[in-house]
């Protein structure tokens, strides 16, 4: 319930977010929060970053299937700082073309 109510993805529920979730006031569009929720949904172990297996699963769930070589190339595209993990920010910037 709490994740659904946290529309801006900051791990806090404001009064407006609570009222929106309860249907008391109409929801606002939170595209940044939506992108962050997508990234979070790909983070299977919940550690705040995406590794190659999580990227592979996320892509497969979206009907994109890659060979190991193609996946390695995707990881290089996504992993801007070269640490072997893809932060939510890196993921959002590459996948959606926006800064989070």
C-alpha atoms as a PDB file:
ATOM      1  CA  UNK A   1       0.000   0.000   0.000  1.00  0.00           C
ATOM      2  CA  UNK A   2       2.716   2.477   0.926  1.00  0.00           C
ATOM      3  CA  UNK A   3       4.634   2.109  -2.359  1.00  0.00           C
ATOM      4  CA  UNK A   4       1.430   2.754  -4.278  1.00  0.00           C
ATOM      5  CA  UNK A   5       0.722   5.897  -2.280  1.00  0.00           C
ATOM      6  CA  UNK A   6       4.275   7.249  -2.680  1.00  0.00           C
ATOM      7  CA  UNK A   7       3.666   8.769  -6.112  1.00  0.00           C
ATOM      8  CA  UNK A   8       6.900  10.767  -6.308  1.00  0.00           C
ATOM      9  CA  UNK A   9       9.101   7.842  -5.231  1.00  0.00           C
ATOM     10  CA  UNK A  10      10.830   9.620  -2.342  1.00  0.00           C
ATOM     11  CA  UNK A  11       9.898   6.959   0.254  1.00  0.00           C
ATOM     12  CA  UNK A  12       7.676   9.448   2.094  1.00  0.00           C
ATOM     13  CA  UNK A  13       3.932   9.902   1.847  1.00  0.00           C
ATOM     14  CA  UNK A  14       2.799  13.513   1.859  1.00  0.00           C
ATOM     15  CA  UNK A  15      -0.729  14.545   2.722  1.00  0.00           C
ATOM     16  CA  UNK A  16      -1.467  15.192  -0.965  1.00  0.00           C
ATOM     17  CA  UNK A  17      -0.114  11.766  -1.953  1.00  0.00           C
ATOM     18  CA  UNK A  18      -2.282  10.142   0.714  1.00  0.00           C
ATOM     19  CA  UNK A  19      -5.373  12.058  -0.390  1.00  0.00           C
ATOM     20  CA  UNK A  20      -4.686  11.193  -4.047  1.00  0.00           C
ATOM     21  CA  UNK A  21      -4.240   7.526  -3.149  1.00  0.00           C
ATOM     22  CA  UNK A  22      -7.491   7.512  -1.188  1.00  0.00           C
ATOM     23  CA  UNK A  23      -9.302   9.154  -4.115  1.00  0.00           C
ATOM     24  CA  UNK A  24     -10.181  12.295  -2.188  1.00  0.00           C
ATOM     25  CA  UNK A  25      -8.402  14.548  -4.692  1.00  0.00           C
ATOM     26  CA  UNK A  26      -7.535  13.836  -8.353  1.00  0.00           C
ATOM     27  CA  UNK A  27      -4.019  12.521  -9.009  1.00  0.00           C
ATOM     28  CA  UNK A  28      -1.303  14.694 -10.492  1.00  0.00           C
ATOM     29  CA  UNK A  29       0.988  13.370 -13.184  1.00  0.00           C
ATOM     30  CA  UNK A  30       4.365  12.350 -11.776  1.00  0.00           C
ATOM     31  CA  UNK A  31       6.304  11.229 -14.817  1.00  0.00           C
ATOM     32  CA  UNK A  32       9.582  11.189 -12.899  1.00  0.00           C
ATOM     33  CA  UNK A  33       8.017   9.057 -10.197  1.00  0.00           C
ATOM     34  CA  UNK A  34       6.522   6.783 -12.843  1.00  0.00           C
ATOM     35  CA  UNK A  35       9.942   6.257 -14.423  1.00  0.00           C
ATOM     36  CA  UNK A  36      11.424   5.562 -10.985  1.00  0.00           C
ATOM     37  CA  UNK A  37       8.689   3.004 -10.272  1.00  0.00           C
ATOM     38  CA  UNK A  38       9.574   1.225 -13.520  1.00  0.00           C
ATOM     39  CA  UNK A  39      13.235   1.122 -12.493  1.00  0.00           C
ATOM     40  CA  UNK A  40      12.279  -0.069  -8.996  1.00  0.00           C
ATOM     41  CA  UNK A  41      10.098  -2.823 -10.476  1.00  0.00           C
ATOM     42  CA  UNK A  42      13.148  -4.150 -12.351  1.00  0.00           C
ATOM     43  CA  UNK A  43      15.211  -4.193  -9.141  1.00  0.00           C
ATOM     44  CA  UNK A  44      14.378  -7.753  -8.115  1.00  0.00           C
ATOM     45  CA  UNK A  45      16.588  -7.852  -5.016  1.00  0.00           C
ATOM     46  CA  UNK A  46      15.616  -4.322  -3.917  1.00  0.00           C
ATOM     47  CA  UNK A  47      19.190  -3.103  -3.443  1.00  0.00           C
ATOM     48  CA  UNK A  48      18.662   0.173  -5.317  1.00  0.00           C
ATOM     49  CA  UNK A  49      20.671  -0.728  -8.433  1.00  0.00           C
ATOM     50  CA  UNK A  50      20.169  -3.039 -11.401  1.00  0.00           C
ATOM     51  CA  UNK A  51      22.649  -5.747 -12.327  1.00  0.00           C
ATOM     52  CA  UNK A  52      22.891  -7.627 -15.635  1.00  0.00           C
ATOM     53  CA  UNK A  53      20.500 -10.408 -14.574  1.00  0.00           C
ATOM     54  CA  UNK A  54      17.871  -7.872 -13.488  1.00  0.00           C
ATOM     55  CA  UNK A  55      18.287  -5.940 -16.751  1.00  0.00           C
ATOM     56  CA  UNK A  56      17.947  -9.205 -18.702  1.00  0.00           C
ATOM     57  CA  UNK A  57      14.773 -10.148 -16.810  1.00  0.00           C
ATOM     58  CA  UNK A  58      13.288  -6.660 -17.148  1.00  0.00           C
ATOM     59  CA  UNK A  59      13.927  -6.666 -20.894  1.00  0.00           C
ATOM     60  CA  UNK A  60      12.560 -10.208 -21.271  1.00  0.00           C
ATOM     61  CA  UNK A  61       9.425  -9.232 -19.344  1.00  0.00           C
ATOM     62  CA  UNK A  62       8.990  -6.470 -21.928  1.00  0.00           C
ATOM     63  CA  UNK A  63       9.435  -8.981 -24.795  1.00  0.00           C
ATOM     64  CA  UNK A  64      12.985  -7.860 -25.605  1.00  0.00           C
ATOM     65  CA  UNK A  65      15.288 -10.868 -25.771  1.00  0.00           C
ATOM     66  CA  UNK A  66      19.039 -10.438 -26.099  1.00  0.00           C
ATOM     67  CA  UNK A  67      22.033 -12.763 -26.443  1.00  0.00           C
ATOM     68  CA  UNK A  68      24.710 -12.550 -23.752  1.00  0.00           C
ATOM     69  CA  UNK A  69      26.831 -10.451 -26.122  1.00  0.00           C
ATOM     70  CA  UNK A  70      23.939  -8.068 -26.830  1.00  0.00           C
ATOM     71  CA  UNK A  71      23.180  -7.831 -23.106  1.00  0.00           C
ATOM     72  CA  UNK A  72      26.818  -6.962 -22.390  1.00  0.00           C
ATOM     73  CA  UNK A  73      26.530  -4.147 -24.936  1.00  0.00           C
ATOM     74  CA  UNK A  74      23.306  -2.919 -23.329  1.00  0.00           C
ATOM     75  CA  UNK A  75      24.969  -2.933 -19.918  1.00  0.00           C
ATOM     76  CA  UNK A  76      27.794  -0.775 -21.300  1.00  0.00           C
ATOM     77  CA  UNK A  77      25.213   1.670 -22.674  1.00  0.00           C
ATOM     78  CA  UNK A  78      23.303   1.794 -19.387  1.00  0.00           C
ATOM     79  CA  UNK A  79      26.201   1.726 -16.905  1.00  0.00           C
ATOM     80  CA  UNK A  80      27.632   5.227 -17.320  1.00  0.00           C
ATOM     81  CA  UNK A  81      30.048   5.063 -14.386  1.00  0.00           C
ATOM     82  CA  UNK A  82      31.355   1.579 -15.254  1.00  0.00           C
ATOM     83  CA  UNK A  83      30.741   0.002 -11.835  1.00  0.00           C
ATOM     84  CA  UNK A  84      28.867  -3.025 -13.235  1.00  0.00           C
ATOM     85  CA  UNK A  85      25.580  -1.833 -11.766  1.00  0.00           C
ATOM     86  CA  UNK A  86      22.959   0.425 -13.285  1.00  0.00           C
ATOM     87  CA  UNK A  87      21.560   3.068 -10.955  1.00  0.00           C
ATOM     88  CA  UNK A  88      17.933   4.051 -11.292  1.00  0.00           C
ATOM     89  CA  UNK A  89      19.129   7.403 -12.628  1.00  0.00           C
ATOM     90  CA  UNK A  90      21.278   5.766 -15.319  1.00  0.00           C
ATOM     91  CA  UNK A  91      18.393   3.457 -16.261  1.00  0.00           C
ATOM     92  CA  UNK A  92      15.867   6.309 -16.501  1.00  0.00           C
ATOM     93  CA  UNK A  93      18.224   8.500 -18.529  1.00  0.00           C
ATOM     94  CA  UNK A  94      18.974   5.758 -21.073  1.00  0.00           C
ATOM     95  CA  UNK A  95      15.570   4.099 -21.299  1.00  0.00           C
ATOM     96  CA  UNK A  96      13.327   7.169 -21.114  1.00  0.00           C
ATOM     97  CA  UNK A  97      15.774   9.866 -22.223  1.00  0.00           C
ATOM     98  CA  UNK A  98      15.183  12.097 -19.206  1.00  0.00           C
ATOM     99  CA  UNK A  99      17.092  13.008 -16.080  1.00  0.00           C
ATOM    100  CA  UNK A 100      15.379  11.688 -12.958  1.00  0.00           C
END
